[in-house]
N, C-alpha and C. Protein backbone atom coordinates (compact mmCIF):
# COMPACT_ATOMS: atom_id res chain seq x y z
N GLU A 1 38.25 -42.56 -38.09
CA GLU A 1 39.11 -41.59 -37.44
C GLU A 1 39.25 -40.32 -38.28
N LEU A 2 39.39 -40.47 -39.59
CA LEU A 2 39.54 -39.29 -40.44
C LEU A 2 38.28 -38.44 -40.44
N LEU A 3 37.11 -39.09 -40.46
CA LEU A 3 35.86 -38.33 -40.39
C LEU A 3 35.74 -37.60 -39.06
N TYR A 4 36.17 -38.25 -37.98
CA TYR A 4 36.12 -37.62 -36.67
C TYR A 4 37.03 -36.39 -36.62
N LEU A 5 38.22 -36.50 -37.18
CA LEU A 5 39.13 -35.35 -37.17
C LEU A 5 38.54 -34.16 -37.91
N PHE A 6 37.89 -34.42 -39.04
CA PHE A 6 37.29 -33.31 -39.79
C PHE A 6 36.04 -32.79 -39.09
N ASP A 7 35.11 -33.68 -38.77
CA ASP A 7 33.83 -33.27 -38.21
C ASP A 7 33.93 -32.82 -36.75
N GLY A 8 34.68 -33.55 -35.96
CA GLY A 8 34.77 -33.25 -34.53
C GLY A 8 35.82 -32.23 -34.16
N LYS A 9 36.96 -32.29 -34.84
CA LYS A 9 38.08 -31.40 -34.50
C LYS A 9 38.29 -30.28 -35.52
N LYS A 10 37.48 -30.28 -36.59
CA LYS A 10 37.56 -29.25 -37.65
C LYS A 10 38.97 -29.19 -38.26
N PHE A 11 39.50 -30.37 -38.57
CA PHE A 11 40.83 -30.50 -39.15
C PHE A 11 40.71 -30.65 -40.66
N ALA A 12 41.34 -29.76 -41.42
CA ALA A 12 41.32 -29.83 -42.89
C ALA A 12 42.60 -30.52 -43.35
N PHE A 13 42.45 -31.61 -44.09
CA PHE A 13 43.60 -32.38 -44.57
C PHE A 13 44.25 -31.69 -45.75
N GLY A 14 45.57 -31.74 -45.79
CA GLY A 14 46.30 -31.22 -46.93
C GLY A 14 46.68 -32.35 -47.87
N ASN A 15 47.63 -32.11 -48.72
CA ASN A 15 48.12 -33.13 -49.65
C ASN A 15 49.32 -33.87 -49.09
N TYR A 16 49.51 -33.82 -47.79
CA TYR A 16 50.69 -34.39 -47.17
C TYR A 16 50.34 -35.71 -46.49
N PHE A 17 50.79 -36.80 -47.06
CA PHE A 17 50.64 -38.13 -46.46
C PHE A 17 52.02 -38.77 -46.48
N GLU A 18 52.55 -39.11 -45.32
CA GLU A 18 53.90 -39.66 -45.25
C GLU A 18 53.86 -41.05 -44.62
N ASN A 19 54.69 -41.93 -45.14
CA ASN A 19 54.82 -43.29 -44.61
C ASN A 19 53.48 -44.02 -44.57
N LEU A 20 52.70 -43.91 -45.62
CA LEU A 20 51.39 -44.56 -45.67
C LEU A 20 51.57 -46.06 -45.87
N THR A 21 50.98 -46.83 -44.97
CA THR A 21 51.01 -48.29 -45.09
C THR A 21 49.61 -48.84 -44.91
N ILE A 22 49.31 -49.91 -45.61
CA ILE A 22 48.06 -50.64 -45.45
C ILE A 22 48.43 -52.08 -45.15
N SER A 23 47.86 -52.61 -44.09
CA SER A 23 48.14 -54.00 -43.74
C SER A 23 46.84 -54.76 -43.52
N LYS A 24 46.90 -56.06 -43.68
CA LYS A 24 45.73 -56.91 -43.50
C LYS A 24 46.03 -57.90 -42.38
N VAL A 25 45.16 -57.92 -41.37
CA VAL A 25 45.30 -58.83 -40.24
C VAL A 25 43.94 -59.47 -39.98
N ASN A 26 43.88 -60.79 -40.11
CA ASN A 26 42.63 -61.52 -39.86
C ASN A 26 41.44 -60.93 -40.61
N GLU A 27 41.59 -60.75 -41.91
CA GLU A 27 40.52 -60.23 -42.78
C GLU A 27 40.13 -58.79 -42.49
N ARG A 28 40.92 -58.06 -41.69
CA ARG A 28 40.68 -56.63 -41.43
C ARG A 28 41.85 -55.84 -41.98
N TYR A 29 41.56 -54.68 -42.53
CA TYR A 29 42.60 -53.82 -43.08
C TYR A 29 42.87 -52.65 -42.13
N PHE A 30 44.13 -52.26 -42.07
CA PHE A 30 44.55 -51.14 -41.23
C PHE A 30 45.37 -50.18 -42.08
N LEU A 31 45.05 -48.90 -41.98
CA LEU A 31 45.79 -47.85 -42.68
C LEU A 31 46.52 -47.02 -41.64
N LYS A 32 47.79 -46.77 -41.88
CA LYS A 32 48.58 -45.97 -40.96
C LYS A 32 49.38 -44.96 -41.77
N THR A 33 49.33 -43.69 -41.35
CA THR A 33 50.06 -42.64 -42.05
C THR A 33 50.22 -41.42 -41.16
N LEU A 34 51.10 -40.54 -41.55
CA LEU A 34 51.23 -39.23 -40.94
C LEU A 34 50.59 -38.25 -41.91
N ILE A 35 49.61 -37.48 -41.42
CA ILE A 35 48.83 -36.59 -42.29
C ILE A 35 49.10 -35.14 -41.91
N GLY A 36 49.27 -34.30 -42.92
CA GLY A 36 49.43 -32.87 -42.69
C GLY A 36 48.12 -32.14 -42.95
N GLY A 37 47.96 -31.02 -42.30
CA GLY A 37 46.76 -30.22 -42.49
C GLY A 37 46.74 -29.06 -41.53
N GLU A 38 45.57 -28.47 -41.37
CA GLU A 38 45.43 -27.30 -40.50
C GLU A 38 43.99 -27.18 -40.03
N LYS A 39 43.75 -26.27 -39.13
CA LYS A 39 42.40 -26.00 -38.63
C LYS A 39 41.52 -25.56 -39.81
N TYR A 40 40.34 -26.16 -39.92
CA TYR A 40 39.42 -25.84 -41.02
C TYR A 40 38.87 -24.42 -40.88
N SER A 41 38.87 -23.70 -41.97
CA SER A 41 38.30 -22.36 -42.03
C SER A 41 37.43 -22.28 -43.28
N ILE A 42 36.14 -21.99 -43.11
CA ILE A 42 35.26 -21.90 -44.28
C ILE A 42 35.71 -20.79 -45.23
N ASP A 43 36.30 -19.73 -44.69
CA ASP A 43 36.79 -18.64 -45.54
C ASP A 43 37.95 -19.11 -46.42
N LYS A 44 38.83 -19.92 -45.86
CA LYS A 44 40.00 -20.39 -46.61
C LYS A 44 39.69 -21.62 -47.45
N HIS A 45 38.98 -22.59 -46.88
CA HIS A 45 38.78 -23.88 -47.53
C HIS A 45 37.46 -23.99 -48.29
N GLY A 46 36.51 -23.10 -47.99
CA GLY A 46 35.23 -23.13 -48.68
C GLY A 46 34.35 -24.27 -48.22
N PHE A 47 33.21 -24.42 -48.88
CA PHE A 47 32.27 -25.49 -48.57
C PHE A 47 31.61 -25.92 -49.87
N LYS A 48 31.66 -27.20 -50.18
CA LYS A 48 31.13 -27.72 -51.45
C LYS A 48 29.66 -28.13 -51.35
N GLY A 49 29.08 -28.12 -50.15
CA GLY A 49 27.67 -28.45 -50.00
C GLY A 49 27.38 -29.91 -49.71
N VAL A 50 28.39 -30.76 -49.64
CA VAL A 50 28.18 -32.18 -49.34
C VAL A 50 29.06 -32.55 -48.15
N VAL A 51 28.44 -33.19 -47.15
CA VAL A 51 29.18 -33.62 -45.97
C VAL A 51 29.07 -35.14 -45.87
N VAL A 52 30.20 -35.82 -45.75
CA VAL A 52 30.20 -37.27 -45.58
C VAL A 52 29.84 -37.58 -44.14
N LYS A 53 28.80 -38.40 -43.95
CA LYS A 53 28.35 -38.77 -42.61
C LYS A 53 29.03 -40.04 -42.10
N ALA A 54 29.26 -40.99 -43.01
CA ALA A 54 29.86 -42.27 -42.59
C ALA A 54 30.36 -43.04 -43.80
N MET A 55 31.27 -43.95 -43.55
CA MET A 55 31.73 -44.89 -44.56
C MET A 55 30.91 -46.16 -44.39
N THR A 56 30.66 -46.87 -45.48
CA THR A 56 29.93 -48.13 -45.38
C THR A 56 30.80 -49.27 -45.89
N TYR A 57 30.44 -50.47 -45.52
CA TYR A 57 31.14 -51.65 -46.03
C TYR A 57 30.50 -52.15 -47.31
N HIS A 58 29.36 -51.59 -47.68
CA HIS A 58 28.65 -52.01 -48.88
C HIS A 58 29.51 -51.75 -50.12
N MET A 59 29.77 -52.77 -50.89
CA MET A 59 30.55 -52.69 -52.12
C MET A 59 32.00 -52.23 -51.89
N MET A 60 32.51 -52.35 -50.67
CA MET A 60 33.88 -51.95 -50.39
C MET A 60 34.86 -52.98 -50.96
N SER A 61 35.93 -52.48 -51.53
CA SER A 61 36.99 -53.37 -51.98
C SER A 61 38.34 -52.71 -51.72
N ILE A 62 39.30 -53.53 -51.36
CA ILE A 62 40.68 -53.08 -51.14
C ILE A 62 41.57 -54.07 -51.86
N GLU A 63 42.39 -53.57 -52.77
CA GLU A 63 43.28 -54.47 -53.49
C GLU A 63 44.60 -53.77 -53.80
N LYS A 64 45.65 -54.56 -53.85
CA LYS A 64 46.96 -54.04 -54.20
C LYS A 64 47.21 -54.37 -55.67
N ILE A 65 47.54 -53.34 -56.44
CA ILE A 65 47.84 -53.50 -57.86
C ILE A 65 49.26 -53.01 -58.07
N ASP A 66 50.14 -53.93 -58.40
CA ASP A 66 51.57 -53.63 -58.50
C ASP A 66 52.05 -53.03 -57.19
N ASN A 67 52.48 -51.78 -57.20
CA ASN A 67 53.02 -51.15 -56.00
C ASN A 67 52.04 -50.14 -55.39
N LEU A 68 50.78 -50.15 -55.85
CA LEU A 68 49.78 -49.20 -55.37
C LEU A 68 48.59 -49.92 -54.76
N TRP A 69 47.89 -49.23 -53.86
CA TRP A 69 46.67 -49.76 -53.27
C TRP A 69 45.47 -49.05 -53.88
N LYS A 70 44.41 -49.81 -54.18
CA LYS A 70 43.17 -49.25 -54.69
C LYS A 70 42.08 -49.52 -53.66
N LEU A 71 41.44 -48.46 -53.18
CA LEU A 71 40.34 -48.57 -52.23
C LEU A 71 39.08 -48.03 -52.87
N GLN A 72 38.01 -48.79 -52.78
CA GLN A 72 36.72 -48.35 -53.30
C GLN A 72 35.69 -48.56 -52.20
N TYR A 73 34.87 -47.56 -51.96
CA TYR A 73 33.87 -47.66 -50.91
C TYR A 73 32.71 -46.72 -51.21
N VAL A 74 31.61 -46.93 -50.52
CA VAL A 74 30.42 -46.10 -50.64
C VAL A 74 30.33 -45.25 -49.38
N VAL A 75 29.97 -43.99 -49.54
CA VAL A 75 29.83 -43.11 -48.39
C VAL A 75 28.37 -42.70 -48.21
N ASP A 76 27.98 -42.49 -46.95
CA ASP A 76 26.66 -41.93 -46.64
C ASP A 76 26.81 -40.42 -46.55
N ILE A 77 25.95 -39.70 -47.28
CA ILE A 77 26.02 -38.24 -47.22
C ILE A 77 24.72 -37.65 -46.71
């Protein structure tokens, strides 16, 4: 969904994440949050030269450490 918002809707994410929760149901993880941002503008946000095409399950891990969540994944670029 996040890739779709950026690539399809040209939505640039800010540093605003509210009420972020991660839950596990039947070996599947779900992330829910309210995200702040604005319409992407190359003049304002720039371009780093790398575009993420997809997330993969290869080497993915999700674990809770104390009161924080650690997510590790590989991306296709």
